[in-house]
Amino acid sequence: MVRFEDLQLFVRTAALGSFSNVAREVGLLPGQVAAAIKRLERDLDVRLFARSTRSLRLTAEGEQYLPFAREVLATLQEGEDRMRRENTELQGLLQVSAPSDLGRNLLLPWLCEFRRQHPALDLRLLVSDQVADVFKDPVDIALRYGVFDDASYVALPLALWNRRVLVAAPDYLRRHGKPRTPEELRQHPCLLYSLSGRLYDRWRVGDETVQVAGPLFSNDAEIVRRWAIAGEGLAYKSWLDVHQDIEAGRLEPVLPEYRGEPTPLNLVCPHRKQYSPAVQQLHALLRARLEPLHARLAATGAWQQTPE
């Protein structure tokens, strides 16, 4: 049976080209390294190196075997690292930034669950609709809506299937009626949202982008949600932010036959080196909690294709 240590010495010998160099690196005698290579060759029944008094080079069989040896070692190392991470208690401080709706209404109980699972870990939740700068702000990770094609970030998917949905309170719809087409949105008071001074008053519904207007706007998405529940008008919100209201009957989907704008949710961190065990385990928990909501989105009727 091939020994793990022999594979390691084979890979290092192929890299350094000398038994002596490998021996110095790992604290063995050159003869011990040579013996390990001979043992591996005997186990495989092939000659891995062509040796002479002045040179050491891989044979054709050695060249062919080398990538497999590297892959085996990498897999074993990954398994060892994962076991070590899972068996190590999470400690320190994890700082998380999230949008206002998501942080207050969805993320909060999941973070409490995560904290109970890891009592030695301190969590700091920063809730704001202002987009956190993961390079400058005091955060380790940020939950963000949208598509990220900036190579300077690491964006880990959480809910790529998420979309915006048009919603209104049942009372509002009884008083004002339901719009039947995207164009009819212009006849309704729409609840508007601003971010960094930009007013989001162009709503993409199906294949159309409609310029909407209304007497109320806020820079806090949670306020827009509350206005919608109070019957003040139509809102165009991330389904994750309003699905509980839809299921409880506080809000109803409007024009569900028109596909809403994609609003994928990602976990963003500055660099893969900051993908710590705490971040990995939180990412796994959030994906596990979010995935069942995918089917519930389809059940609302707000996941249908745009009509022809």
Protein backbone atom coordinates (compact mmCIF):
# COMPACT_ATOMS: atom_id res chain seq x y z
CA MET A 1 0.00 0.00 0.00
CA VAL A 2 1.27 3.44 -0.93
CA ARG A 3 2.36 5.49 2.08
CA PHE A 4 1.28 9.11 2.51
CA GLU A 5 4.84 10.13 3.49
CA ASP A 6 6.29 8.50 0.38
CA LEU A 7 3.90 10.47 -1.83
CA GLN A 8 4.96 13.69 -0.12
CA LEU A 9 8.64 12.93 -0.69
CA PHE A 10 7.97 12.00 -4.33
CA VAL A 11 6.21 15.31 -5.02
CA ARG A 12 8.95 17.34 -3.30
CA THR A 13 11.70 15.41 -5.12
CA ALA A 14 10.02 16.13 -8.44
CA ALA A 15 9.93 19.81 -7.49
CA LEU A 16 13.49 20.12 -6.13
CA GLY A 17 15.23 17.62 -8.43
CA SER A 18 17.48 16.21 -5.72
CA PHE A 19 17.29 13.72 -2.86
CA SER A 20 19.74 15.89 -0.91
CA ASN A 21 17.66 19.04 -1.27
CA VAL A 22 14.53 17.24 -0.12
CA ALA A 23 16.40 15.65 2.78
CA ARG A 24 17.56 19.08 3.99
CA GLU A 25 14.02 20.45 3.68
CA VAL A 26 12.35 17.71 5.75
CA GLY A 27 15.18 16.83 8.14
CA LEU A 28 16.05 13.37 6.80
CA LEU A 29 19.15 11.75 5.33
CA PRO A 30 19.40 11.58 1.50
CA GLY A 31 19.41 7.80 1.75
CA GLN A 32 16.11 7.84 3.60
CA VAL A 33 14.51 9.92 0.85
CA ALA A 34 15.93 7.60 -1.83
CA ALA A 35 14.60 4.58 0.07
CA ALA A 36 11.11 6.12 0.21
CA ILE A 37 11.13 6.70 -3.55
CA LYS A 38 12.27 3.11 -4.18
CA ARG A 39 9.50 1.84 -1.91
CA LEU A 40 6.91 3.88 -3.83
CA GLU A 41 8.26 2.58 -7.14
CA ARG A 42 8.00 -0.96 -5.83
CA ASP A 43 4.40 -0.39 -4.66
CA LEU A 44 3.45 1.04 -8.06
CA ASP A 45 5.63 -1.35 -10.06
CA VAL A 46 6.96 1.52 -12.19
CA ARG A 47 10.16 3.54 -12.32
CA LEU A 48 9.41 7.15 -11.38
CA PHE A 49 12.88 8.70 -11.71
CA ALA A 50 15.76 8.17 -14.08
CA ARG A 51 18.90 8.42 -11.93
CA SER A 52 22.53 9.03 -12.74
CA THR A 53 25.49 10.22 -10.66
CA ARG A 54 24.83 13.81 -11.78
CA SER A 55 21.12 14.08 -12.50
CA LEU A 56 17.70 13.03 -11.35
CA ARG A 57 14.70 13.43 -13.66
CA LEU A 58 11.19 12.11 -13.90
CA THR A 59 10.52 9.24 -16.27
CA ALA A 60 7.49 9.33 -18.56
CA GLU A 61 5.64 7.25 -15.97
CA GLY A 62 6.72 9.67 -13.25
CA GLU A 63 5.43 12.64 -15.25
CA GLN A 64 2.14 10.85 -15.72
CA TYR A 65 1.80 9.96 -12.04
CA LEU A 66 2.82 13.33 -10.59
CA PRO A 67 -0.51 15.21 -11.02
CA PHE A 68 -2.39 12.34 -9.40
CA ALA A 69 -0.03 12.37 -6.44
CA ARG A 70 -0.49 16.12 -6.05
CA GLU A 71 -4.26 15.75 -6.20
CA VAL A 72 -4.25 13.02 -3.55
CA LEU A 73 -2.11 15.12 -1.21
CA ALA A 74 -4.29 18.20 -1.77
CA THR A 75 -7.46 16.22 -1.04
CA LEU A 76 -6.01 14.74 2.15
CA GLN A 77 -4.83 18.19 3.26
CA GLU A 78 -8.25 19.69 2.60
CA GLY A 79 -9.89 16.95 4.65
CA GLU A 80 -7.44 17.46 7.50
CA ASP A 81 -8.01 21.24 7.43
CA ARG A 82 -11.78 20.81 7.43
CA MET A 83 -11.72 18.40 10.35
CA ARG A 84 -9.47 20.77 12.27
CA ARG A 85 -11.80 23.69 11.56
CA GLU A 86 -14.91 21.77 12.58
CA ASN A 87 -13.30 20.55 15.77
CA THR A 88 -12.03 23.98 16.76
CA GLU A 89 -14.30 26.25 18.76
CA LEU A 90 -15.03 29.49 16.94
CA GLN A 91 -13.69 32.49 18.82
CA GLY A 92 -13.00 36.16 18.30
CA LEU A 93 -15.18 38.81 16.67
CA LEU A 94 -17.19 38.51 13.44
CA GLN A 95 -18.56 41.79 12.06
CA VAL A 96 -21.46 41.50 9.62
CA SER A 97 -23.10 44.24 7.55
CA ALA A 98 -26.59 43.75 6.11
CA PRO A 99 -29.39 45.79 4.47
CA SER A 100 -32.04 47.13 6.85
CA ASP A 101 -34.98 44.88 5.89
CA LEU A 102 -32.91 41.73 5.63
CA GLY A 103 -31.02 42.36 8.86
CA ARG A 104 -34.05 43.14 11.01
CA ASN A 105 -36.63 40.72 9.66
CA LEU A 106 -34.76 37.68 8.37
CA LEU A 107 -31.13 37.64 9.44
CA LEU A 108 -31.58 38.50 13.11
CA PRO A 109 -32.99 35.13 14.33
CA TRP A 110 -30.47 33.21 12.21
CA LEU A 111 -27.58 35.13 13.76
CA CYS A 112 -28.99 34.38 17.20
CA GLU A 113 -29.06 30.69 16.26
CA PHE A 114 -25.46 30.88 15.00
CA ARG A 115 -24.36 32.62 18.20
CA ARG A 116 -25.96 29.90 20.35
CA GLN A 117 -24.05 27.28 18.35
CA HIS A 118 -20.76 29.15 18.92
CA PRO A 119 -20.92 30.82 22.34
CA ALA A 120 -17.25 31.84 22.32
CA LEU A 121 -17.75 33.92 19.16
CA ASP A 122 -18.74 37.59 19.40
CA LEU A 123 -21.02 38.92 16.64
CA ARG A 124 -21.47 42.53 15.59
CA LEU A 125 -24.35 43.27 13.21
CA LEU A 126 -24.33 46.58 11.35
CA VAL A 127 -27.70 47.26 9.72
CA SER A 128 -27.86 49.96 7.06
CA ASP A 129 -29.00 50.47 3.50
CA GLN A 130 -25.76 52.32 2.79
CA VAL A 131 -23.47 49.86 1.01
CA ALA A 132 -20.64 48.86 3.33
CA ASP A 133 -17.10 49.12 1.99
CA VAL A 134 -15.57 45.83 3.09
CA PHE A 135 -12.08 47.29 2.55
CA LYS A 136 -12.55 50.46 4.62
CA ASP A 137 -15.46 49.93 7.02
CA PRO A 138 -15.11 47.92 10.25
CA VAL A 139 -16.79 44.80 8.82
CA ASP A 140 -15.53 41.33 7.95
CA ILE A 141 -18.35 40.39 5.59
CA ALA A 142 -21.33 42.11 4.00
CA LEU A 143 -24.62 40.69 2.77
CA ARG A 144 -25.49 42.49 -0.44
CA TYR A 145 -28.12 42.40 -3.12
CA GLY A 146 -27.08 42.62 -6.76
CA VAL A 147 -24.66 41.18 -9.30
CA PHE A 148 -20.95 41.48 -8.51
CA ASP A 149 -18.45 41.29 -11.35
CA ASP A 150 -15.67 43.18 -9.55
CA ALA A 151 -12.69 40.81 -9.25
CA SER A 152 -11.46 42.67 -6.17
CA TYR A 153 -14.31 41.11 -4.13
CA VAL A 154 -15.13 37.54 -3.24
CA ALA A 155 -18.91 37.12 -3.67
CA LEU A 156 -20.29 33.86 -2.28
CA PRO A 157 -23.85 33.05 -3.44
CA LEU A 158 -26.67 32.86 -0.91
CA ALA A 159 -29.89 33.30 -2.91
CA LEU A 160 -29.16 33.79 -6.60
CA TRP A 161 -32.82 33.07 -7.38
CA ASN A 162 -34.17 36.07 -5.45
CA ARG A 163 -36.19 38.71 -7.34
CA ARG A 164 -38.10 41.89 -6.74
CA VAL A 165 -41.88 41.65 -6.50
CA LEU A 166 -44.59 44.26 -6.69
CA VAL A 167 -46.70 44.28 -3.53
CA ALA A 168 -49.48 46.25 -1.88
CA ALA A 169 -51.71 45.88 1.17
CA PRO A 170 -55.10 44.18 0.62
CA ASP A 171 -56.81 47.31 1.93
CA TYR A 172 -55.03 49.49 -0.63
CA LEU A 173 -56.05 47.15 -3.47
CA ARG A 174 -59.67 47.16 -2.32
CA ARG A 175 -59.71 50.96 -2.37
CA HIS A 176 -57.73 51.57 -5.55
CA GLY A 177 -57.98 48.34 -7.55
CA LYS A 178 -55.16 46.21 -8.94
CA PRO A 179 -53.10 47.40 -11.91
CA ARG A 180 -53.49 45.01 -14.83
CA THR A 181 -50.38 45.99 -16.80
CA PRO A 182 -47.03 47.58 -15.93
CA GLU A 183 -48.16 50.79 -17.63
CA GLU A 184 -50.99 51.16 -15.12
CA LEU A 185 -48.42 51.56 -12.34
CA ARG A 186 -48.21 55.20 -13.41
CA GLN A 187 -51.78 55.68 -12.12
CA HIS A 188 -50.91 54.54 -8.59
CA PRO A 189 -48.94 56.14 -5.75
CA CYS A 190 -45.66 54.22 -5.65
CA LEU A 191 -43.50 54.06 -2.54
CA LEU A 192 -40.02 55.18 -3.51
CA TYR A 193 -36.62 54.49 -2.11
CA SER A 194 -33.41 56.50 -2.31
CA LEU A 195 -29.82 55.40 -1.77
CA SER A 196 -26.80 57.69 -1.76
CA GLY A 197 -28.95 60.48 -3.14
CA ARG A 198 -30.33 58.43 -6.04
CA LEU A 199 -34.09 57.95 -6.22
CA TYR A 200 -35.11 54.51 -7.51
CA ASP A 201 -38.21 55.46 -9.50
CA ARG A 202 -37.70 53.33 -12.63
CA TRP A 203 -39.13 49.87 -12.00
CA ARG A 204 -38.33 47.02 -14.38
CA VAL A 205 -41.36 44.73 -14.55
CA GLY A 206 -41.26 41.96 -17.14
CA ASP A 207 -39.75 43.43 -20.28
CA GLU A 208 -40.81 46.98 -19.45
CA THR A 209 -39.18 49.71 -17.40
CA VAL A 210 -41.79 52.04 -15.97
CA GLN A 211 -41.17 55.54 -14.61
CA VAL A 212 -43.22 55.69 -11.42
CA ALA A 213 -44.00 58.43 -8.95
CA GLY A 214 -45.50 58.90 -5.52
CA PRO A 215 -45.71 61.32 -2.60
CA LEU A 216 -43.64 59.19 -0.20
CA PHE A 217 -39.98 58.19 -0.34
CA SER A 218 -37.34 57.20 2.21
CA ASN A 219 -33.68 56.23 2.36
CA ASP A 220 -34.62 53.29 4.63
CA ALA A 221 -36.08 50.26 2.86
CA GLU A 222 -37.79 49.12 6.06
CA ILE A 223 -39.82 52.34 6.08
CA VAL A 224 -41.00 51.63 2.53
CA ARG A 225 -42.11 48.16 3.62
CA ARG A 226 -44.05 49.58 6.56
CA TRP A 227 -45.75 52.17 4.34
CA ALA A 228 -46.82 49.38 2.01
CA ILE A 229 -48.32 47.39 4.90
CA ALA A 230 -50.12 50.54 6.06
CA GLY A 231 -51.81 50.80 2.66
CA GLU A 232 -50.01 53.91 1.43
CA GLY A 233 -49.26 52.59 -2.05
CA LEU A 234 -47.37 50.04 -4.18
CA ALA A 235 -43.86 48.89 -3.35
CA TYR A 236 -41.27 47.07 -5.47
CA LYS A 237 -39.28 45.02 -3.00
CA SER A 238 -36.91 42.09 -2.74
CA TRP A 239 -39.02 38.97 -2.26
CA LEU A 240 -36.84 37.97 0.69
CA ASP A 241 -37.82 41.20 2.43
CA VAL A 242 -41.58 40.80 2.02
CA HIS A 243 -42.25 37.05 1.75
CA GLN A 244 -43.31 36.82 5.40
CA ASP A 245 -45.77 39.67 4.87
CA ILE A 246 -47.17 37.95 1.77
CA GLU A 247 -47.58 34.64 3.59
CA ALA A 248 -49.23 36.39 6.57
CA GLY A 249 -51.64 38.28 4.29
CA ARG A 250 -50.30 41.74 5.16
CA LEU A 251 -49.22 42.24 1.54
CA GLU A 252 -50.36 40.77 -1.78
CA PRO A 253 -48.32 40.26 -4.96
CA VAL A 254 -49.29 42.64 -7.76
CA LEU A 255 -48.83 41.65 -11.43
CA PRO A 256 -47.32 38.29 -10.39
CA GLU A 257 -47.43 37.10 -14.00
CA TYR A 258 -44.66 39.60 -14.83
CA ARG A 259 -41.20 38.47 -13.79
CA GLY A 260 -39.55 40.93 -11.41
CA GLU A 261 -36.03 42.25 -11.60
CA PRO A 262 -33.32 39.77 -10.48
CA THR A 263 -31.97 40.66 -7.03
CA PRO A 264 -29.46 37.94 -6.09
CA LEU A 265 -28.17 37.90 -2.53
CA ASN A 266 -24.46 37.30 -1.92
CA LEU A 267 -22.09 37.18 1.00
CA VAL A 268 -19.17 39.47 0.16
CA CYS A 269 -15.72 39.52 1.74
CA PRO A 270 -12.58 41.36 0.64
CA HIS A 271 -10.34 38.35 0.00
CA ARG A 272 -10.38 34.55 0.14
CA LYS A 273 -7.81 34.71 2.94
CA GLN A 274 -10.57 36.26 5.06
CA TYR A 275 -12.85 33.29 4.36
CA SER A 276 -12.29 32.16 7.94
CA PRO A 277 -13.90 29.14 9.65
CA ALA A 278 -16.47 31.52 11.21
CA VAL A 279 -17.34 32.98 7.79
CA GLN A 280 -17.50 29.51 6.22
CA GLN A 281 -19.86 28.18 8.87
CA LEU A 282 -22.08 31.27 8.79
CA HIS A 283 -22.24 31.05 4.99
CA ALA A 284 -23.30 27.40 5.24
CA LEU A 285 -25.99 28.18 7.83
CA LEU A 286 -27.44 31.07 5.80
CA ARG A 287 -27.58 28.98 2.62
CA ALA A 288 -29.34 26.19 4.51
CA ARG A 289 -31.94 28.63 5.89
CA LEU A 290 -32.47 30.44 2.59
CA GLU A 291 -32.77 27.47 0.23
CA PRO A 292 -36.26 26.36 1.45
CA LEU A 293 -37.51 29.86 0.62
CA HIS A 294 -36.79 29.23 -3.07
CA ALA A 295 -39.78 26.91 -3.40
CA ARG A 296 -41.96 29.32 -1.45
CA LEU A 297 -41.18 32.06 -3.98
CA ALA A 298 -42.55 29.87 -6.78
CA ALA A 299 -45.67 29.17 -4.72
CA THR A 300 -46.55 32.89 -4.56
CA GLY A 301 -46.96 33.04 -8.34
CA ALA A 302 -44.31 35.76 -8.49
CA TRP A 303 -41.84 33.50 -10.29
CA GLN A 304 -43.71 33.12 -13.52
CA GLN A 305 -42.36 33.93 -16.94
CA THR A 306 -43.18 37.25 -18.56
CA PRO A 307 -46.23 36.73 -20.81
CA GLU A 308 -45.65 36.73 -24.53
